[in-house]
Amino acid sequence: DEVFDDNWEALKEDQRYYYNCLMAPQSQHVES
């Protein structure tokens, strides 16, 4: 139900997992 990340610490695991799945293999492009 949360619209914003005001409780952002509770989202850290989900954000990290999302990064590991989708962004880590293309980290050079993420840096760009």
PDB file of all heavy atoms in Angstrom:
ATOM      1  N   ASP A   1       0.814  -1.219   0.000  1.00  0.00           N
ATOM      2  CA  ASP A   1       0.000   0.000   0.000  1.00  0.00           C
ATOM      3  C   ASP A   1       0.844   1.265   0.000  1.00  0.00           C
ATOM      4  O   ASP A   1       0.335   2.354  -0.254  1.00  0.00           O
ATOM      5  CB  ASP A   1      -0.923   0.007   1.224  1.00  0.00           C
ATOM      6  CG  ASP A   1      -1.951  -1.117   1.173  1.00  0.00           C
ATOM      7  OD1 ASP A   1      -2.444  -1.411   0.072  1.00  0.00           O
ATOM      8  OD2 ASP A   1      -2.243  -1.697   2.237  1.00  0.00           O
ATOM      9  N   GLU A   2       2.140   1.126   0.285  1.00  0.00           N
ATOM     10  CA  GLU A   2       3.010   2.292   0.355  1.00  0.00           C
ATOM     11  C   GLU A   2       3.275   2.846  -1.044  1.00  0.00           C
ATOM     12  O   GLU A   2       3.710   2.127  -1.931  1.00  0.00           O
ATOM     13  CB  GLU A   2       4.343   1.938   1.023  1.00  0.00           C
ATOM     14  CG  GLU A   2       4.230   1.455   2.463  1.00  0.00           C
ATOM     15  CD  GLU A   2       3.777   0.018   2.580  1.00  0.00           C
ATOM     16  OE1 GLU A   2       3.750  -0.678   1.538  1.00  0.00           O
ATOM     17  OE2 GLU A   2       3.422  -0.405   3.693  1.00  0.00           O
ATOM     18  N   VAL A   3       3.019   4.137  -1.210  1.00  0.00           N
ATOM     19  CA  VAL A   3       3.255   4.795  -2.493  1.00  0.00           C
ATOM     20  C   VAL A   3       4.711   5.218  -2.608  1.00  0.00           C
ATOM     21  O   VAL A   3       5.335   5.088  -3.660  1.00  0.00           O
ATOM     22  CB  VAL A   3       2.336   6.027  -2.644  1.00  0.00           C
ATOM     23  CG1 VAL A   3       2.666   6.805  -3.921  1.00  0.00           C
ATOM     24  CG2 VAL A   3       0.878   5.588  -2.633  1.00  0.00           C
ATOM     25  N   PHE A   4       5.270   5.715  -1.491  1.00  0.00           N
ATOM     26  CA  PHE A   4       6.643   6.202  -1.475  1.00  0.00           C
ATOM     27  C   PHE A   4       7.524   5.285  -0.620  1.00  0.00           C
ATOM     28  O   PHE A   4       7.027   4.443   0.125  1.00  0.00           O
ATOM     29  CB  PHE A   4       6.688   7.632  -0.913  1.00  0.00           C
ATOM     30  CG  PHE A   4       5.871   8.617  -1.699  1.00  0.00           C
ATOM     31  CD1 PHE A   4       4.602   8.987  -1.262  1.00  0.00           C
ATOM     32  CD2 PHE A   4       6.356   9.166  -2.877  1.00  0.00           C
ATOM     33  CE1 PHE A   4       3.841   9.900  -1.981  1.00  0.00           C
ATOM     34  CE2 PHE A   4       5.605  10.073  -3.600  1.00  0.00           C
ATOM     35  CZ  PHE A   4       4.334  10.440  -3.159  1.00  0.00           C
ATOM     36  N   ASP A   5       8.810   5.491  -0.717  1.00  0.00           N
ATOM     37  CA  ASP A   5       9.779   4.677   0.019  1.00  0.00           C
ATOM     38  C   ASP A   5      10.100   5.282   1.381  1.00  0.00           C
ATOM     39  O   ASP A   5      11.250   5.196   1.835  1.00  0.00           O
ATOM     40  CB  ASP A   5      11.068   4.533  -0.791  1.00  0.00           C
ATOM     41  CG  ASP A   5      11.841   5.842  -0.874  1.00  0.00           C
ATOM     42  OD1 ASP A   5      11.199   6.915  -0.825  1.00  0.00           O
ATOM     43  OD2 ASP A   5      13.083   5.789  -0.975  1.00  0.00           O
ATOM     44  N   ASP A   6       9.122   5.889   2.038  1.00  0.00           N
ATOM     45  CA  ASP A   6       9.390   6.554   3.315  1.00  0.00           C
ATOM     46  C   ASP A   6       9.944   5.571   4.349  1.00  0.00           C
ATOM     47  O   ASP A   6      10.740   5.946   5.209  1.00  0.00           O
ATOM     48  CB  ASP A   6       8.129   7.232   3.841  1.00  0.00           C
ATOM     49  CG  ASP A   6       7.684   8.374   2.933  1.00  0.00           C
ATOM     50  OD1 ASP A   6       8.532   8.877   2.154  1.00  0.00           O
ATOM     51  OD2 ASP A   6       6.502   8.750   2.966  1.00  0.00           O
ATOM     52  N   ASN A   7       9.553   4.333   4.271  1.00  0.00           N
ATOM     53  CA  ASN A   7      10.148   3.282   5.112  1.00  0.00           C
ATOM     54  C   ASN A   7      11.218   2.570   4.278  1.00  0.00           C
ATOM     55  O   ASN A   7      11.188   1.365   4.063  1.00  0.00           O
ATOM     56  CB  ASN A   7       9.067   2.300   5.565  1.00  0.00           C
ATOM     57  CG  ASN A   7       9.579   1.308   6.594  1.00  0.00           C
ATOM     58  OD1 ASN A   7      10.598   1.526   7.245  1.00  0.00           O
ATOM     59  ND2 ASN A   7       8.879   0.190   6.729  1.00  0.00           N
ATOM     60  N   TRP A   8      12.195   3.353   3.826  1.00  0.00           N
ATOM     61  CA  TRP A   8      13.124   2.868   2.796  1.00  0.00           C
ATOM     62  C   TRP A   8      14.031   1.741   3.274  1.00  0.00           C
ATOM     63  O   TRP A   8      14.445   0.885   2.490  1.00  0.00           O
ATOM     64  CB  TRP A   8      13.966   4.030   2.253  1.00  0.00           C
ATOM     65  CG  TRP A   8      14.863   4.694   3.252  1.00  0.00           C
ATOM     66  CD1 TRP A   8      14.545   5.704   4.095  1.00  0.00           C
ATOM     67  CD2 TRP A   8      16.230   4.391   3.495  1.00  0.00           C
ATOM     68  NE1 TRP A   8      15.624   6.059   4.858  1.00  0.00           N
ATOM     69  CE2 TRP A   8      16.688   5.267   4.499  1.00  0.00           C
ATOM     70  CE3 TRP A   8      17.133   3.477   2.963  1.00  0.00           C
ATOM     71  CZ2 TRP A   8      17.993   5.251   4.992  1.00  0.00           C
ATOM     72  CZ3 TRP A   8      18.439   3.452   3.444  1.00  0.00           C
ATOM     73  CH2 TRP A   8      18.855   4.322   4.440  1.00  0.00           C
ATOM     74  N   GLU A   9      14.318   1.708   4.564  1.00  0.00           N
ATOM     75  CA  GLU A   9      15.202   0.643   5.045  1.00  0.00           C
ATOM     76  C   GLU A   9      14.558  -0.735   4.880  1.00  0.00           C
ATOM     77  O   GLU A   9      15.249  -1.729   4.655  1.00  0.00           O
ATOM     78  CB  GLU A   9      15.560   0.885   6.519  1.00  0.00           C
ATOM     79  CG  GLU A   9      16.402   2.122   6.722  1.00  0.00           C
ATOM     80  CD  GLU A   9      17.589   1.857   7.645  1.00  0.00           C
ATOM     81  OE1 GLU A   9      17.779   0.699   8.037  1.00  0.00           O
ATOM     82  OE2 GLU A   9      18.309   2.816   7.948  1.00  0.00           O
ATOM     83  N   ALA A  10      13.224  -0.790   4.959  1.00  0.00           N
ATOM     84  CA  ALA A  10      12.523  -2.057   4.795  1.00  0.00           C
ATOM     85  C   ALA A  10      12.543  -2.541   3.348  1.00  0.00           C
ATOM     86  O   ALA A  10      12.237  -3.698   3.071  1.00  0.00           O
ATOM     87  CB  ALA A  10      11.084  -1.926   5.273  1.00  0.00           C
ATOM     88  N   LEU A  11      12.904  -1.653   2.420  1.00  0.00           N
ATOM     89  CA  LEU A  11      12.925  -2.005   0.992  1.00  0.00           C
ATOM     90  C   LEU A  11      14.291  -2.440   0.507  1.00  0.00           C
ATOM     91  O   LEU A  11      14.431  -2.882  -0.634  1.00  0.00           O
ATOM     92  CB  LEU A  11      12.472  -0.795   0.155  1.00  0.00           C
ATOM     93  CG  LEU A  11      11.043  -0.315   0.344  1.00  0.00           C
ATOM     94  CD1 LEU A  11      10.851   1.015  -0.363  1.00  0.00           C
ATOM     95  CD2 LEU A  11      10.060  -1.350  -0.189  1.00  0.00           C
ATOM     96  N   LYS A  12      15.309  -2.301   1.354  1.00  0.00           N
ATOM     97  CA  LYS A  12      16.682  -2.508   0.895  1.00  0.00           C
ATOM     98  C   LYS A  12      16.920  -3.898   0.325  1.00  0.00           C
ATOM     99  O   LYS A  12      17.607  -4.057  -0.685  1.00  0.00           O
ATOM    100  CB  LYS A  12      17.655  -2.213   2.037  1.00  0.00           C
ATOM    101  CG  LYS A  12      17.738  -0.727   2.379  1.00  0.00           C
ATOM    102  CD  LYS A  12      18.412  -0.467   3.710  1.00  0.00           C
ATOM    103  CE  LYS A  12      19.879  -0.802   3.700  1.00  0.00           C
ATOM    104  NZ  LYS A  12      20.521  -0.408   4.983  1.00  0.00           N
ATOM    105  N   GLU A  13      16.357  -4.923   0.957  1.00  0.00           N
ATOM    106  CA  GLU A  13      16.564  -6.295   0.463  1.00  0.00           C
ATOM    107  C   GLU A  13      15.942  -6.482  -0.916  1.00  0.00           C
ATOM    108  O   GLU A  13      16.536  -7.110  -1.798  1.00  0.00           O
ATOM    109  CB  GLU A  13      15.977  -7.309   1.444  1.00  0.00           C
ATOM    110  CG  GLU A  13      16.735  -7.421   2.749  1.00  0.00           C
ATOM    111  CD  GLU A  13      18.147  -7.954   2.564  1.00  0.00           C
ATOM    112  OE1 GLU A  13      18.439  -8.538   1.505  1.00  0.00           O
ATOM    113  OE2 GLU A  13      18.967  -7.760   3.479  1.00  0.00           O
ATOM    114  N   ASP A  14      14.743  -5.934  -1.097  1.00  0.00           N
ATOM    115  CA  ASP A  14      14.074  -6.075  -2.383  1.00  0.00           C
ATOM    116  C   ASP A  14      14.816  -5.298  -3.469  1.00  0.00           C
ATOM    117  O   ASP A  14      14.947  -5.778  -4.600  1.00  0.00           O
ATOM    118  CB  ASP A  14      12.630  -5.580  -2.283  1.00  0.00           C
ATOM    119  CG  ASP A  14      11.810  -6.424  -1.338  1.00  0.00           C
ATOM    120  OD1 ASP A  14      11.435  -7.541  -1.728  1.00  0.00           O
ATOM    121  OD2 ASP A  14      11.556  -5.979  -0.214  1.00  0.00           O
ATOM    122  N   GLN A  15      15.318  -4.127  -3.132  1.00  0.00           N
ATOM    123  CA  GLN A  15      16.060  -3.337  -4.105  1.00  0.00           C
ATOM    124  C   GLN A  15      17.385  -4.000  -4.469  1.00  0.00           C
ATOM    125  O   GLN A  15      17.797  -3.994  -5.635  1.00  0.00           O
ATOM    126  CB  GLN A  15      16.290  -1.923  -3.560  1.00  0.00           C
ATOM    127  CG  GLN A  15      15.019  -1.103  -3.465  1.00  0.00           C
ATOM    128  CD  GLN A  15      15.185   0.172  -2.665  1.00  0.00           C
ATOM    129  OE1 GLN A  15      16.052   0.282  -1.801  1.00  0.00           O
ATOM    130  NE2 GLN A  15      14.341   1.164  -2.936  1.00  0.00           N
ATOM    131  N   ARG A  16      18.039  -4.598  -3.477  1.00  0.00           N
ATOM    132  CA  ARG A  16      19.307  -5.282  -3.747  1.00  0.00           C
ATOM    133  C   ARG A  16      19.074  -6.534  -4.591  1.00  0.00           C
ATOM    134  O   ARG A  16      19.833  -6.820  -5.522  1.00  0.00           O
ATOM    135  CB  ARG A  16      19.993  -5.652  -2.428  1.00  0.00           C
ATOM    136  CG  ARG A  16      21.314  -6.423  -2.605  1.00  0.00           C
ATOM    137  CD  ARG A  16      22.364  -5.590  -3.317  1.00  0.00           C
ATOM    138  NE  ARG A  16      23.597  -6.317  -3.535  1.00  0.00           N
ATOM    139  CZ  ARG A  16      24.593  -6.398  -2.658  1.00  0.00           C
ATOM    140  NH1 ARG A  16      24.489  -5.811  -1.474  1.00  0.00           N
ATOM    141  NH2 ARG A  16      25.679  -7.067  -2.943  1.00  0.00           N
ATOM    142  N   TYR A  17      18.038  -7.281  -4.276  1.00  0.00           N
ATOM    143  CA  TYR A  17      17.748  -8.482  -5.054  1.00  0.00           C
ATOM    144  C   TYR A  17      17.433  -8.109  -6.511  1.00  0.00           C
ATOM    145  O   TYR A  17      17.883  -8.759  -7.453  1.00  0.00           O
ATOM    146  CB  TYR A  17      16.578  -9.245  -4.439  1.00  0.00           C
ATOM    147  CG  TYR A  17      16.269 -10.547  -5.149  1.00  0.00           C
ATOM    148  CD1 TYR A  17      17.057 -11.674  -4.937  1.00  0.00           C
ATOM    149  CD2 TYR A  17      15.213 -10.642  -6.051  1.00  0.00           C
ATOM    150  CE1 TYR A  17      16.795 -12.864  -5.594  1.00  0.00           C
ATOM    151  CE2 TYR A  17      14.949 -11.825  -6.710  1.00  0.00           C
ATOM    152  CZ  TYR A  17      15.735 -12.935  -6.479  1.00  0.00           C
ATOM    153  OH  TYR A  17      15.489 -14.103  -7.147  1.00  0.00           O
ATOM    154  N   TYR A  18      16.651  -7.069  -6.687  1.00  0.00           N
ATOM    155  CA  TYR A  18      16.311  -6.570  -8.029  1.00  0.00           C
ATOM    156  C   TYR A  18      17.581  -6.180  -8.781  1.00  0.00           C
ATOM    157  O   TYR A  18      17.758  -6.516  -9.948  1.00  0.00           O
ATOM    158  CB  TYR A  18      15.379  -5.373  -7.865  1.00  0.00           C
ATOM    159  CG  TYR A  18      14.909  -4.727  -9.146  1.00  0.00           C
ATOM    160  CD1 TYR A  18      13.707  -5.104  -9.741  1.00  0.00           C
ATOM    161  CD2 TYR A  18      15.633  -3.700  -9.746  1.00  0.00           C
ATOM    162  CE1 TYR A  18      13.248  -4.478 -10.899  1.00  0.00           C
ATOM    163  CE2 TYR A  18      15.191  -3.076 -10.901  1.00  0.00           C
ATOM    164  CZ  TYR A  18      14.002  -3.474 -11.476  1.00  0.00           C
ATOM    165  OH  TYR A  18      13.555  -2.861 -12.626  1.00  0.00           O
ATOM    166  N   TYR A  19      18.480  -5.480  -8.096  1.00  0.00           N
ATOM    167  CA  TYR A  19      19.749  -5.096  -8.722  1.00  0.00           C
ATOM    168  C   TYR A  19      20.553  -6.336  -9.122  1.00  0.00           C
ATOM    169  O   TYR A  19      21.075  -6.431 -10.239  1.00  0.00           O
ATOM    170  CB  TYR A  19      20.580  -4.220  -7.780  1.00  0.00           C
ATOM    171  CG  TYR A  19      21.938  -3.894  -8.348  1.00  0.00           C
ATOM    172  CD1 TYR A  19      22.146  -2.740  -9.100  1.00  0.00           C
ATOM    173  CD2 TYR A  19      23.022  -4.759  -8.171  1.00  0.00           C
ATOM    174  CE1 TYR A  19      23.377  -2.465  -9.656  1.00  0.00           C
ATOM    175  CE2 TYR A  19      24.261  -4.487  -8.724  1.00  0.00           C
ATOM    176  CZ  TYR A  19      24.439  -3.339  -9.478  1.00  0.00           C
ATOM    177  OH  TYR A  19      25.668  -3.084 -10.045  1.00  0.00           O
ATOM    178  N   ASN A  20      20.691  -7.287  -8.193  1.00  0.00           N
ATOM    179  CA  ASN A  20      21.485  -8.485  -8.475  1.00  0.00           C
ATOM    180  C   ASN A  20      20.945  -9.251  -9.673  1.00  0.00           C
ATOM    181  O   ASN A  20      21.706  -9.780 -10.489  1.00  0.00           O
ATOM    182  CB  ASN A  20      21.524  -9.396  -7.254  1.00  0.00           C
ATOM    183  CG  ASN A  20      22.417  -8.846  -6.154  1.00  0.00           C
ATOM    184  OD1 ASN A  20      23.212  -7.942  -6.377  1.00  0.00           O
ATOM    185  ND2 ASN A  20      22.288  -9.395  -4.956  1.00  0.00           N
ATOM    186  N   CYS A  21      19.621  -9.322  -9.793  1.00  0.00           N
ATOM    187  CA  CYS A  21      19.009 -10.069 -10.889  1.00  0.00           C
ATOM    188  C   CYS A  21      19.149  -9.353 -12.225  1.00  0.00           C
ATOM    189  O   CYS A  21      19.453  -9.982 -13.243  1.00  0.00           O
ATOM    190  CB  CYS A  21      17.522 -10.304 -10.602  1.00  0.00           C
ATOM    191  SG  CYS A  21      17.191 -11.523  -9.325  1.00  0.00           S
ATOM    192  N   LEU A  22      18.925  -8.052 -12.233  1.00  0.00           N
ATOM    193  CA  LEU A  22      18.777  -7.332 -13.502  1.00  0.00           C
ATOM    194  C   LEU A  22      19.942  -6.420 -13.851  1.00  0.00           C
ATOM    195  O   LEU A  22      20.250  -6.235 -15.033  1.00  0.00           O
ATOM    196  CB  LEU A  22      17.495  -6.492 -13.464  1.00  0.00           C
ATOM    197  CG  LEU A  22      16.190  -7.260 -13.303  1.00  0.00           C
ATOM    198  CD1 LEU A  22      15.029  -6.295 -13.246  1.00  0.00           C
ATOM    199  CD2 LEU A  22      16.002  -8.240 -14.444  1.00  0.00           C
ATOM    200  N   MET A  23      20.574  -5.830 -12.845  1.00  0.00           N
ATOM    201  CA  MET A  23      21.558  -4.789 -13.133  1.00  0.00           C
ATOM    202  C   MET A  23      23.009  -5.247 -13.025  1.00  0.00           C
ATOM    203  O   MET A  23      23.866  -4.756 -13.761  1.00  0.00           O
ATOM    204  CB  MET A  23      21.345  -3.603 -12.177  1.00  0.00           C
ATOM    205  CG  MET A  23      19.957  -2.987 -12.270  1.00  0.00           C
ATOM    206  SD  MET A  23      19.618  -2.363 -13.941  1.00  0.00           S
ATOM    207  CE  MET A  23      17.838  -2.188 -13.890  1.00  0.00           C
ATOM    208  N   ALA A  24      23.302  -6.168 -12.129  1.00  0.00           N
ATOM    209  CA  ALA A  24      24.692  -6.598 -11.941  1.00  0.00           C
ATOM    210  C   ALA A  24      25.340  -7.106 -13.233  1.00  0.00           C
ATOM    211  O   ALA A  24      26.496  -6.778 -13.508  1.00  0.00           O
ATOM    212  CB  ALA A  24      24.770  -7.662 -10.844  1.00  0.00           C
ATOM    213  N   PRO A  25      24.626  -7.889 -14.074  1.00  0.00           N
ATOM    214  CA  PRO A  25      25.260  -8.369 -15.312  1.00  0.00           C
ATOM    215  C   PRO A  25      25.525  -7.270 -16.331  1.00  0.00           C
ATOM    216  O   PRO A  25      26.210  -7.511 -17.323  1.00  0.00           O
ATOM    217  CB  PRO A  25      24.241  -9.377 -15.862  1.00  0.00           C
ATOM    218  CG  PRO A  25      23.373  -9.732 -14.719  1.00  0.00           C
ATOM    219  CD  PRO A  25      23.310  -8.507 -13.872  1.00  0.00           C
ATOM    220  N   GLN A  26      24.973  -6.093 -16.114  1.00  0.00           N
ATOM    221  CA  GLN A  26      25.202  -4.988 -17.037  1.00  0.00           C
ATOM    222  C   GLN A  26      25.629  -3.742 -16.251  1.00  0.00           C
ATOM    223  O   GLN A  26      25.195  -2.625 -16.505  1.00  0.00           O
ATOM    224  CB  GLN A  26      23.943  -4.708 -17.864  1.00  0.00           C
ATOM    225  CG  GLN A  26      22.650  -4.680 -17.086  1.00  0.00           C
ATOM    226  CD  GLN A  26      21.434  -4.771 -17.984  1.00  0.00           C
ATOM    227  OE1 GLN A  26      21.473  -5.260 -19.105  1.00  0.00           O
ATOM    228  NE2 GLN A  26      20.322  -4.273 -17.496  1.00  0.00           N
ATOM    229  N   SER A  27      26.517  -3.978 -15.280  1.00  0.00           N
ATOM    230  CA  SER A  27      26.916  -2.917 -14.365  1.00  0.00           C
ATOM    231  C   SER A  27      27.621  -1.768 -15.074  1.00  0.00           C
ATOM    232  O   SER A  27      27.523  -0.614 -14.632  1.00  0.00           O
ATOM    233  CB  SER A  27      27.816  -3.482 -13.261  1.00  0.00           C
ATOM    234  OG  SER A  27      28.959  -4.115 -13.815  1.00  0.00           O
ATOM    235  N   GLN A  28      28.332  -2.059 -16.164  1.00  0.00           N
ATOM    236  CA  GLN A  28      28.990  -0.976 -16.902  1.00  0.00           C
ATOM    237  C   GLN A  28      27.954   0.001 -17.456  1.00  0.00           C
ATOM    238  O   GLN A  28      28.162   1.217 -17.447  1.00  0.00           O
ATOM    239  CB  GLN A  28      29.815  -1.550 -18.060  1.00  0.00           C
ATOM    240  CG  GLN A  28      31.034  -2.345 -17.610  1.00  0.00           C
ATOM    241  CD  GLN A  28      31.745  -2.982 -18.781  1.00  0.00           C
ATOM    242  OE1 GLN A  28      31.127  -3.576 -19.664  1.00  0.00           O
ATOM    243  NE2 GLN A  28      33.061  -2.869 -18.803  1.00  0.00           N
ATOM    244  N   HIS A  29      26.844  -0.522 -17.921  1.00  0.00           N
ATOM    245  CA  HIS A  29      25.787   0.334 -18.453  1.00  0.00           C
ATOM    246  C   HIS A  29      25.074   1.082 -17.333  1.00  0.00           C
ATOM    247  O   HIS A  29      24.619   2.215 -17.529  1.00  0.00           O
ATOM    248  CB  HIS A  29      24.795  -0.513 -19.263  1.00  0.00           C
ATOM    249  CG  HIS A  29      25.419  -1.187 -20.443  1.00  0.00           C
ATOM    250  ND1 HIS A  29      26.083  -2.379 -20.327  1.00  0.00           N
ATOM    251  CD2 HIS A  29      25.494  -0.825 -21.757  1.00  0.00           C
ATOM    252  CE1 HIS A  29      26.529  -2.741 -21.518  1.00  0.00           C
ATOM    253  NE2 HIS A  29      26.205  -1.821 -22.391  1.00  0.00           N
ATOM    254  N   VAL A  30      24.983   0.449 -16.153  1.00  0.00           N
ATOM    255  CA  VAL A  30      24.405   1.142 -15.006  1.00  0.00           C
ATOM    256  C   VAL A  30      25.271   2.338 -14.631  1.00  0.00           C
ATOM    257  O   VAL A  30      24.765   3.437 -14.366  1.00  0.00           O
ATOM    258  CB  VAL A  30      24.262   0.188 -13.802  1.00  0.00           C
ATOM    259  CG1 VAL A  30      23.838   0.962 -12.547  1.00  0.00           C
ATOM    260  CG2 VAL A  30      23.242  -0.908 -14.109  1.00  0.00           C
ATOM    261  N   GLU A  31      26.578   2.151 -14.634  1.00  0.00           N
ATOM    262  CA  GLU A  31      27.480   3.256 -14.315  1.00  0.00           C
ATOM    263  C   GLU A  31      27.336   4.390 -15.320  1.00  0.00           C
ATOM    264  O   GLU A  31      27.362   5.574 -14.955  1.00  0.00           O
ATOM    265  CB  GLU A  31      28.919   2.749 -14.282  1.00  0.00           C
ATOM    266  CG  GLU A  31      29.223   1.875 -13.071  1.00  0.00           C
ATOM    267  CD  GLU A  31      30.666   1.444 -13.000  1.00  0.00           C
ATOM    268  OE1 GLU A  31      31.235   1.094 -14.052  1.00  0.00           O
ATOM    269  OE2 GLU A  31      31.233   1.448 -11.892  1.00  0.00           O
ATOM    270  N   SER A  32      27.169   4.050 -16.584  1.00  0.00           N
ATOM    271  CA  SER A  32      26.970   5.079 -17.610  1.00  0.00           C
ATOM    272  C   SER A  32      25.670   5.843 -17.367  1.00  0.00           C
ATOM    273  O   SER A  32      25.619   7.070 -17.519  1.00  0.00           O
ATOM    274  CB  SER A  32      26.949   4.446 -19.009  1.00  0.00           C
ATOM    275  OG  SER A  32      28.191   3.853 -19.312  1.00  0.00           O
TER     276      SER A  32
END
